[in-house]
Amino acid sequence: MLNDMVINEIIDDLQGTCQDIGEVLIEYELELDDLDSKDFEAIDDAIFNCACCGWWYDLAEISTDVEDENVCARCVEDGDYEI
């Protein structure tokens, strides 16, 4: 498990972007295999990657109208994601 400071920096670097998590990990000289389930859980507890637009958002921005995927409210409101 990575230390909390590194996980928080990764979360900060991802949030508000459409970067691939692997791209961000390179900045820390890490690969996906370097993260364990607790690291992924910490990320998932803070942000999500919209299944429609690919941007990383705060959990508060998940659309409550979509049950099967994590989709941001903006994509649903704009009609980019059909329910």
PDB file of N, CA and C in Angstrom:
ATOM      1  N   MET A   1       0.836  -1.181   0.000  1.00  0.00           N
ATOM      2  CA  MET A   1       0.000   0.000   0.000  1.00  0.00           C
ATOM      3  C   MET A   1       0.879   1.242   0.000  1.00  0.00           C
ATOM      4  N   LEU A   2       0.517   2.185  -0.856  1.00  0.00           N
ATOM      5  CA  LEU A   2       1.239   3.453  -0.903  1.00  0.00           C
ATOM      6  C   LEU A   2       0.846   4.305   0.294  1.00  0.00           C
ATOM      7  N   ASN A   3       1.691   5.256   0.642  1.00  0.00           N
ATOM      8  CA  ASN A   3       1.324   6.097   1.779  1.00  0.00           C
ATOM      9  C   ASN A   3       0.208   7.065   1.373  1.00  0.00           C
ATOM     10  N   ASP A   4      -0.524   7.532   2.372  1.00  0.00           N
ATOM     11  CA  ASP A   4      -1.695   8.374   2.140  1.00  0.00           C
ATOM     12  C   ASP A   4      -1.356   9.641   1.368  1.00  0.00           C
ATOM     13  N   MET A   5      -0.184  10.203   1.613  1.00  0.00           N
ATOM     14  CA  MET A   5       0.197  11.440   0.934  1.00  0.00           C
ATOM     15  C   MET A   5       0.293  11.226  -0.574  1.00  0.00           C
ATOM     16  N   VAL A   6       0.893  10.133  -0.990  1.00  0.00           N
ATOM     17  CA  VAL A   6       1.027   9.837  -2.420  1.00  0.00           C
ATOM     18  C   VAL A   6      -0.347   9.580  -3.031  1.00  0.00           C
ATOM     19  N   ILE A   7      -1.189   8.811  -2.358  1.00  0.00           N
ATOM     20  CA  ILE A   7      -2.543   8.543  -2.864  1.00  0.00           C
ATOM     21  C   ILE A   7      -3.315   9.848  -3.010  1.00  0.00           C
ATOM     22  N   ASN A   8      -3.226  10.734  -2.013  1.00  0.00           N
ATOM     23  CA  ASN A   8      -3.932  12.016  -2.087  1.00  0.00           C
ATOM     24  C   ASN A   8      -3.408  12.875  -3.237  1.00  0.00           C
ATOM     25  N   GLU A   9      -2.117  12.820  -3.500  1.00  0.00           N
ATOM     26  CA  GLU A   9      -1.544  13.570  -4.623  1.00  0.00           C
ATOM     27  C   GLU A   9      -2.038  12.993  -5.954  1.00  0.00           C
ATOM     28  N   ILE A  10      -2.121  11.685  -6.046  1.00  0.00           N
ATOM     29  CA  ILE A  10      -2.637  11.038  -7.257  1.00  0.00           C
ATOM     30  C   ILE A  10      -4.087  11.445  -7.476  1.00  0.00           C
ATOM     31  N   ILE A  11      -4.877  11.433  -6.422  1.00  0.00           N
ATOM     32  CA  ILE A  11      -6.282  11.849  -6.510  1.00  0.00           C
ATOM     33  C   ILE A  11      -6.373  13.295  -6.978  1.00  0.00           C
ATOM     34  N   ASP A  12      -5.575  14.167  -6.390  1.00  0.00           N
ATOM     35  CA  ASP A  12      -5.577  15.579  -6.786  1.00  0.00           C
ATOM     36  C   ASP A  12      -5.169  15.759  -8.242  1.00  0.00           C
ATOM     37  N   ASP A  13      -4.194  14.967  -8.686  1.00  0.00           N
ATOM     38  CA  ASP A  13      -3.728  15.067 -10.072  1.00  0.00           C
ATOM     39  C   ASP A  13      -4.771  14.563 -11.063  1.00  0.00           C
ATOM     40  N   LEU A  14      -5.577  13.585 -10.678  1.00  0.00           N
ATOM     41  CA  LEU A  14      -6.597  13.019 -11.559  1.00  0.00           C
ATOM     42  C   LEU A  14      -7.860  13.874 -11.611  1.00  0.00           C
ATOM     43  N   GLN A  15      -8.306  14.355 -10.458  1.00  0.00           N
ATOM     44  CA  GLN A  15      -9.591  15.052 -10.372  1.00  0.00           C
ATOM     45  C   GLN A  15      -9.607  16.273 -11.304  1.00  0.00           C
ATOM     46  N   GLY A  16     -10.688  16.361 -12.082  1.00  0.00           N
ATOM     47  CA  GLY A  16     -10.853  17.479 -13.002  1.00  0.00           C
ATOM     48  C   GLY A  16     -10.101  17.321 -14.307  1.00  0.00           C
ATOM     49  N   THR A  17      -9.618  16.099 -14.568  1.00  0.00           N
ATOM     50  CA  THR A  17      -8.906  15.833 -15.830  1.00  0.00           C
ATOM     51  C   THR A  17      -9.518  14.612 -16.497  1.00  0.00           C
ATOM     52  N   CYS A  18      -9.078  14.350 -17.708  1.00  0.00           N
ATOM     53  CA  CYS A  18      -9.477  13.121 -18.390  1.00  0.00           C
ATOM     54  C   CYS A  18      -8.257  12.227 -18.606  1.00  0.00           C
ATOM     55  N   GLN A  19      -7.247  12.398 -17.754  1.00  0.00           N
ATOM     56  CA  GLN A  19      -6.035  11.598 -17.857  1.00  0.00           C
ATOM     57  C   GLN A  19      -6.295  10.149 -17.469  1.00  0.00           C
ATOM     58  N   ASP A  20      -5.552   9.284 -18.072  1.00  0.00           N
ATOM     59  CA  ASP A  20      -5.549   7.882 -17.691  1.00  0.00           C
ATOM     60  C   ASP A  20      -4.755   7.767 -16.395  1.00  0.00           C
ATOM     61  N   ILE A  21      -5.199   6.918 -15.487  1.00  0.00           N
ATOM     62  CA  ILE A  21      -4.503   6.773 -14.212  1.00  0.00           C
ATOM     63  C   ILE A  21      -3.047   6.364 -14.421  1.00  0.00           C
ATOM     64  N   GLY A  22      -2.794   5.574 -15.453  1.00  0.00           N
ATOM     65  CA  GLY A  22      -1.425   5.156 -15.751  1.00  0.00           C
ATOM     66  C   GLY A  22      -0.522   6.325 -16.090  1.00  0.00           C
ATOM     67  N   GLU A  23      -1.073   7.342 -16.775  1.00  0.00           N
ATOM     68  CA  GLU A  23      -0.299   8.542 -17.112  1.00  0.00           C
ATOM     69  C   GLU A  23       0.130   9.277 -15.848  1.00  0.00           C
ATOM     70  N   VAL A  24      -0.770   9.371 -14.893  1.00  0.00           N
ATOM     71  CA  VAL A  24      -0.463  10.069 -13.646  1.00  0.00           C
ATOM     72  C   VAL A  24       0.555   9.283 -12.828  1.00  0.00           C
ATOM     73  N   LEU A  25       0.419   7.966 -12.817  1.00  0.00           N
ATOM     74  CA  LEU A  25       1.345   7.145 -12.040  1.00  0.00           C
ATOM     75  C   LEU A  25       2.780   7.274 -12.536  1.00  0.00           C
ATOM     76  N   ILE A  26       2.957   7.497 -13.817  1.00  0.00           N
ATOM     77  CA  ILE A  26       4.303   7.661 -14.376  1.00  0.00           C
ATOM     78  C   ILE A  26       5.026   8.812 -13.685  1.00  0.00           C
ATOM     79  N   GLU A  27       4.285   9.876 -13.372  1.00  0.00           N
ATOM     80  CA  GLU A  27       4.882  11.030 -12.693  1.00  0.00           C
ATOM     81  C   GLU A  27       5.476  10.646 -11.337  1.00  0.00           C
ATOM     82  N   TYR A  28       4.965   9.590 -10.741  1.00  0.00           N
ATOM     83  CA  TYR A  28       5.437   9.118  -9.435  1.00  0.00           C
ATOM     84  C   TYR A  28       6.341   7.885  -9.580  1.00  0.00           C
ATOM     85  N   GLU A  29       6.712   7.605 -10.824  1.00  0.00           N
ATOM     86  CA  GLU A  29       7.539   6.436 -11.138  1.00  0.00           C
ATOM     87  C   GLU A  29       6.881   5.154 -10.648  1.00  0.00           C
ATOM     88  N   LEU A  30       5.558   5.080 -10.855  1.00  0.00           N
ATOM     89  CA  LEU A  30       4.762   3.924 -10.459  1.00  0.00           C
ATOM     90  C   LEU A  30       4.034   3.350 -11.657  1.00  0.00           C
ATOM     91  N   GLU A  31       3.581   2.113 -11.514  1.00  0.00           N
ATOM     92  CA  GLU A  31       2.734   1.451 -12.503  1.00  0.00           C
ATOM     93  C   GLU A  31       1.492   0.934 -11.781  1.00  0.00           C
ATOM     94  N   LEU A  32       0.486   0.551 -12.546  1.00  0.00           N
ATOM     95  CA  LEU A  32      -0.750   0.043 -11.943  1.00  0.00           C
ATOM     96  C   LEU A  32      -0.479  -1.108 -10.978  1.00  0.00           C
ATOM     97  N   ASP A  33       0.486  -1.952 -11.318  1.00  0.00           N
ATOM     98  CA  ASP A  33       0.813  -3.102 -10.463  1.00  0.00           C
ATOM     99  C   ASP A  33       1.359  -2.685  -9.100  1.00  0.00           C
ATOM    100  N   ASP A  34       1.825  -1.439  -8.978  1.00  0.00           N
ATOM    101  CA  ASP A  34       2.355  -0.954  -7.705  1.00  0.00           C
ATOM    102  C   ASP A  34       1.243  -0.587  -6.716  1.00  0.00           C
ATOM    103  N   LEU A  35       0.016  -0.454  -7.207  1.00  0.00           N
ATOM    104  CA  LEU A  35      -1.120  -0.131  -6.347  1.00  0.00           C
ATOM    105  C   LEU A  35      -1.811  -1.418  -5.922  1.00  0.00           C
ATOM    106  N   ASP A  36      -2.180  -1.491  -4.656  1.00  0.00           N
ATOM    107  CA  ASP A  36      -2.919  -2.664  -4.200  1.00  0.00           C
ATOM    108  C   ASP A  36      -4.399  -2.305  -4.056  1.00  0.00           C
ATOM    109  N   SER A  37      -5.183  -3.260  -3.595  1.00  0.00           N
ATOM    110  CA  SER A  37      -6.630  -3.050  -3.523  1.00  0.00           C
ATOM    111  C   SER A  37      -7.002  -1.890  -2.602  1.00  0.00           C
ATOM    112  N   LYS A  38      -6.236  -1.687  -1.532  1.00  0.00           N
ATOM    113  CA  LYS A  38      -6.520  -0.577  -0.614  1.00  0.00           C
ATOM    114  C   LYS A  38      -6.233   0.771  -1.287  1.00  0.00           C
ATOM    115  N   ASP A  39      -5.223   0.826  -2.137  1.00  0.00           N
ATOM    116  CA  ASP A  39      -4.928   2.053  -2.871  1.00  0.00           C
ATOM    117  C   ASP A  39      -6.075   2.392  -3.820  1.00  0.00           C
ATOM    118  N   PHE A  40      -6.534   1.394  -4.561  1.00  0.00           N
ATOM    119  CA  PHE A  40      -7.655   1.609  -5.484  1.00  0.00           C
ATOM    120  C   PHE A  40      -8.924   1.983  -4.721  1.00  0.00           C
ATOM    121  N   GLU A  41      -9.117   1.359  -3.565  1.00  0.00           N
ATOM    122  CA  GLU A  41     -10.282   1.668  -2.742  1.00  0.00           C
ATOM    123  C   GLU A  41     -10.244   3.123  -2.268  1.00  0.00           C
ATOM    124  N   ALA A  42      -9.063   3.599  -1.876  1.00  0.00           N
ATOM    125  CA  ALA A  42      -8.922   4.990  -1.436  1.00  0.00           C
ATOM    126  C   ALA A  42      -9.241   5.957  -2.575  1.00  0.00           C
ATOM    127  N   ILE A  43      -8.807   5.625  -3.775  1.00  0.00           N
ATOM    128  CA  ILE A  43      -9.108   6.455  -4.940  1.00  0.00           C
ATOM    129  C   ILE A  43     -10.604   6.432  -5.218  1.00  0.00           C
ATOM    130  N   ASP A  44     -11.187   5.233  -5.209  1.00  0.00           N
ATOM    131  CA  ASP A  44     -12.629   5.085  -5.468  1.00  0.00           C
ATOM    132  C   ASP A  44     -13.489   5.762  -4.405  1.00  0.00           C
ATOM    133  N   ASP A  45     -12.968   5.910  -3.200  1.00  0.00           N
ATOM    134  CA  ASP A  45     -13.712   6.575  -2.128  1.00  0.00           C
ATOM    135  C   ASP A  45     -13.681   8.094  -2.255  1.00  0.00           C
ATOM    136  N   ALA A  46     -12.834   8.604  -3.157  1.00  0.00           N
ATOM    137  CA  ALA A  46     -12.682  10.052  -3.295  1.00  0.00           C
ATOM    138  C   ALA A  46     -13.186  10.580  -4.638  1.00  0.00           C
ATOM    139  N   ILE A  47     -12.912   9.850  -5.707  1.00  0.00           N
ATOM    140  CA  ILE A  47     -13.246  10.320  -7.052  1.00  0.00           C
ATOM    141  C   ILE A  47     -13.728   9.151  -7.905  1.00  0.00           C
ATOM    142  N   PHE A  48     -14.323   9.488  -9.064  1.00  0.00           N
ATOM    143  CA  PHE A  48     -14.719   8.443 -10.010  1.00  0.00           C
ATOM    144  C   PHE A  48     -14.425   8.925 -11.422  1.00  0.00           C
ATOM    145  N   ASN A  49     -14.262   7.957 -12.303  1.00  0.00           N
ATOM    146  CA  ASN A  49     -14.030   8.240 -13.715  1.00  0.00           C
ATOM    147  C   ASN A  49     -15.345   8.039 -14.446  1.00  0.00           C
ATOM    148  N   CYS A  50     -15.856   9.116 -15.051  1.00  0.00           N
ATOM    149  CA  CYS A  50     -17.149   9.046 -15.739  1.00  0.00           C
ATOM    150  C   CYS A  50     -17.071   8.081 -16.915  1.00  0.00           C
ATOM    151  N   ALA A  51     -17.992   7.147 -16.957  1.00  0.00           N
ATOM    152  CA  ALA A  51     -18.038   6.144 -18.030  1.00  0.00           C
ATOM    153  C   ALA A  51     -18.420   6.750 -19.366  1.00  0.00           C
ATOM    154  N   CYS A  52     -18.936   7.962 -19.361  1.00  0.00           N
ATOM    155  CA  CYS A  52     -19.354   8.617 -20.604  1.00  0.00           C
ATOM    156  C   CYS A  52     -18.259   9.536 -21.152  1.00  0.00           C
ATOM    157  N   CYS A  53     -17.834  10.514 -20.371  1.00  0.00           N
ATOM    158  CA  CYS A  53     -16.890  11.521 -20.874  1.00  0.00           C
ATOM    159  C   CYS A  53     -15.436  11.230 -20.524  1.00  0.00           C
ATOM    160  N   GLY A  54     -15.197  10.334 -19.556  1.00  0.00           N
ATOM    161  CA  GLY A  54     -13.840   9.965 -19.194  1.00  0.00           C
ATOM    162  C   GLY A  54     -13.148  10.910 -18.232  1.00  0.00           C
ATOM    163  N   TRP A  55     -13.852  11.936 -17.735  1.00  0.00           N
ATOM    164  CA  TRP A  55     -13.267  12.862 -16.780  1.00  0.00           C
ATOM    165  C   TRP A  55     -13.376  12.305 -15.367  1.00  0.00           C
ATOM    166  N   TRP A  56     -12.452  12.700 -14.508  1.00  0.00           N
ATOM    167  CA  TRP A  56     -12.447  12.310 -13.102  1.00  0.00           C
ATOM    168  C   TRP A  56     -13.177  13.373 -12.297  1.00  0.00           C
ATOM    169  N   TYR A  57     -14.163  12.953 -11.497  1.00  0.00           N
ATOM    170  CA  TYR A  57     -14.989  13.858 -10.714  1.00  0.00           C
ATOM    171  C   TYR A  57     -15.028  13.446  -9.250  1.00  0.00           C
ATOM    172  N   ASP A  58     -15.380  14.406  -8.415  1.00  0.00           N
ATOM    173  CA  ASP A  58     -15.692  14.153  -7.016  1.00  0.00           C
ATOM    174  C   ASP A  58     -16.941  13.269  -6.968  1.00  0.00           C
ATOM    175  N   LEU A  59     -17.038  12.420  -5.978  1.00  0.00           N
ATOM    176  CA  LEU A  59     -18.172  11.501  -5.875  1.00  0.00           C
ATOM    177  C   LEU A  59     -19.520  12.208  -5.842  1.00  0.00           C
ATOM    178  N   ALA A  60     -19.552  13.431  -5.367  1.00  0.00           N
ATOM    179  CA  ALA A  60     -20.808  14.178  -5.288  1.00  0.00           C
ATOM    180  C   ALA A  60     -21.398  14.453  -6.668  1.00  0.00           C
ATOM    181  N   GLU A  61     -20.602  14.286  -7.712  1.00  0.00           N
ATOM    182  CA  GLU A  61     -21.064  14.591  -9.059  1.00  0.00           C
ATOM    183  C   GLU A  61     -21.556  13.369  -9.841  1.00  0.00           C
ATOM    184  N   ILE A  62     -21.689  12.212  -9.167  1.00  0.00           N
ATOM    185  CA  ILE A  62     -22.247  11.025  -9.812  1.00  0.00           C
ATOM    186  C   ILE A  62     -23.740  11.237 -10.021  1.00  0.00           C
ATOM    187  N   SER A  63     -24.214  10.899 -11.193  1.00  0.00           N
ATOM    188  CA  SER A  63     -25.647  11.000 -11.464  1.00  0.00           C
ATOM    189  C   SER A  63     -26.378   9.903 -10.702  1.00  0.00           C
ATOM    190  N   THR A  64     -27.423  10.298 -10.016  1.00  0.00           N
ATOM    191  CA  THR A  64     -28.232   9.322  -9.286  1.00  0.00           C
ATOM    192  C   THR A  64     -29.244   8.649 -10.208  1.00  0.00           C
ATOM    193  N   ASP A  65     -29.316   9.111 -11.467  1.00  0.00           N
ATOM    194  CA  ASP A  65     -30.249   8.545 -12.436  1.00  0.00           C
ATOM    195  C   ASP A  65     -29.697   7.300 -13.137  1.00  0.00           C
ATOM    196  N   VAL A  66     -28.395   7.037 -12.984  1.00  0.00           N
ATOM    197  CA  VAL A  66     -27.753   5.907 -13.651  1.00  0.00           C
ATOM    198  C   VAL A  66     -27.346   4.901 -12.585  1.00  0.00           C
ATOM    199  N   GLU A  67     -27.794   3.657 -12.742  1.00  0.00           N
ATOM    200  CA  GLU A  67     -27.522   2.643 -11.723  1.00  0.00           C
ATOM    201  C   GLU A  67     -26.332   1.745 -12.044  1.00  0.00           C
ATOM    202  N   ASP A  68     -26.113   1.411 -13.307  1.00  0.00           N
ATOM    203  CA  ASP A  68     -25.126   0.401 -13.663  1.00  0.00           C
ATOM    204  C   ASP A  68     -23.710   0.930 -13.856  1.00  0.00           C
ATOM    205  N   GLU A  69     -23.564   2.240 -14.058  1.00  0.00           N
ATOM    206  CA  GLU A  69     -22.253   2.809 -14.323  1.00  0.00           C
ATOM    207  C   GLU A  69     -22.092   4.113 -13.551  1.00  0.00           C
ATOM    208  N   ASN A  70     -20.836   4.497 -13.368  1.00  0.00           N
ATOM    209  CA  ASN A  70     -20.548   5.799 -12.779  1.00  0.00           C
ATOM    210  C   ASN A  70     -20.518   6.834 -13.903  1.00  0.00           C
ATOM    211  N   VAL A  71     -21.561   7.643 -13.950  1.00  0.00           N
ATOM    212  CA  VAL A  71     -21.692   8.669 -14.979  1.00  0.00           C
ATOM    213  C   VAL A  71     -21.924   9.995 -14.269  1.00  0.00           C
ATOM    214  N   CYS A  72     -21.246  11.038 -14.736  1.00  0.00           N
ATOM    215  CA  CYS A  72     -21.400  12.340 -14.094  1.00  0.00           C
ATOM    216  C   CYS A  72     -22.762  12.951 -14.440  1.00  0.00           C
ATOM    217  N   ALA A  73     -23.228  13.781 -13.532  1.00  0.00           N
ATOM    218  CA  ALA A  73     -24.523  14.434 -13.715  1.00  0.00           C
ATOM    219  C   ALA A  73     -24.526  15.306 -14.972  1.00  0.00           C
ATOM    220  N   ARG A  74     -23.401  15.903 -15.302  1.00  0.00           N
ATOM    221  CA  ARG A  74     -23.313  16.771 -16.485  1.00  0.00           C
ATOM    222  C   ARG A  74     -23.612  15.994 -17.770  1.00  0.00           C
ATOM    223  N   CYS A  75     -23.068  14.800 -17.904  1.00  0.00           N
ATOM    224  CA  CYS A  75     -23.316  14.002 -19.108  1.00  0.00           C
ATOM    225  C   CYS A  75     -24.796  13.645 -19.236  1.00  0.00           C
ATOM    226  N   VAL A  76     -25.437  13.352 -18.113  1.00  0.00           N
ATOM    227  CA  VAL A  76     -26.860  13.018 -18.129  1.00  0.00           C
ATOM    228  C   VAL A  76     -27.673  14.265 -18.466  1.00  0.00           C
ATOM    229  N   GLU A  77     -27.373  15.381 -17.810  1.00  0.00           N
ATOM    230  CA  GLU A  77     -28.105  16.627 -18.037  1.00  0.00           C
ATOM    231  C   GLU A  77     -27.956  17.128 -19.472  1.00  0.00           C
ATOM    232  N   ASP A  78     -26.748  16.982 -20.030  1.00  0.00           N
ATOM    233  CA  ASP A  78     -26.494  17.451 -21.404  1.00  0.00           C
ATOM    234  C   ASP A  78     -27.004  16.504 -22.472  1.00  0.00           C
ATOM    235  N   GLY A  79     -27.464  15.314 -22.048  1.00  0.00           N
ATOM    236  CA  GLY A  79     -27.982  14.336 -23.002  1.00  0.00           C
ATOM    237  C   GLY A  79     -26.896  13.508 -23.668  1.00  0.00           C
ATOM    238  N   ASP A  80     -25.658  13.625 -23.189  1.00  0.00           N
ATOM    239  CA  ASP A  80     -24.569  12.837 -23.775  1.00  0.00           C
ATOM    240  C   ASP A  80     -24.680  11.364 -23.400  1.00  0.00           C
ATOM    241  N   TYR A  81     -25.345  11.079 -22.280  1.00  0.00           N
ATOM    242  CA  TYR A  81     -25.544   9.709 -21.826  1.00  0.00           C
ATOM    243  C   TYR A  81     -27.055   9.480 -21.743  1.00  0.00           C
ATOM    244  N   GLU A  82     -27.516   8.498 -22.499  1.00  0.00           N
ATOM    245  CA  GLU A  82     -28.955   8.203 -22.485  1.00  0.00           C
ATOM    246  C   GLU A  82     -29.262   7.160 -21.429  1.00  0.00           C
ATOM    247  N   ILE A  83     -30.273   7.439 -20.654  1.00  0.00           N
ATOM    248  CA  ILE A  83     -30.681   6.533 -19.578  1.00  0.00           C
ATOM    249  C   ILE A  83     -31.605   5.472 -20.133  1.00  0.00           C
TER     250      ILE A  83
END
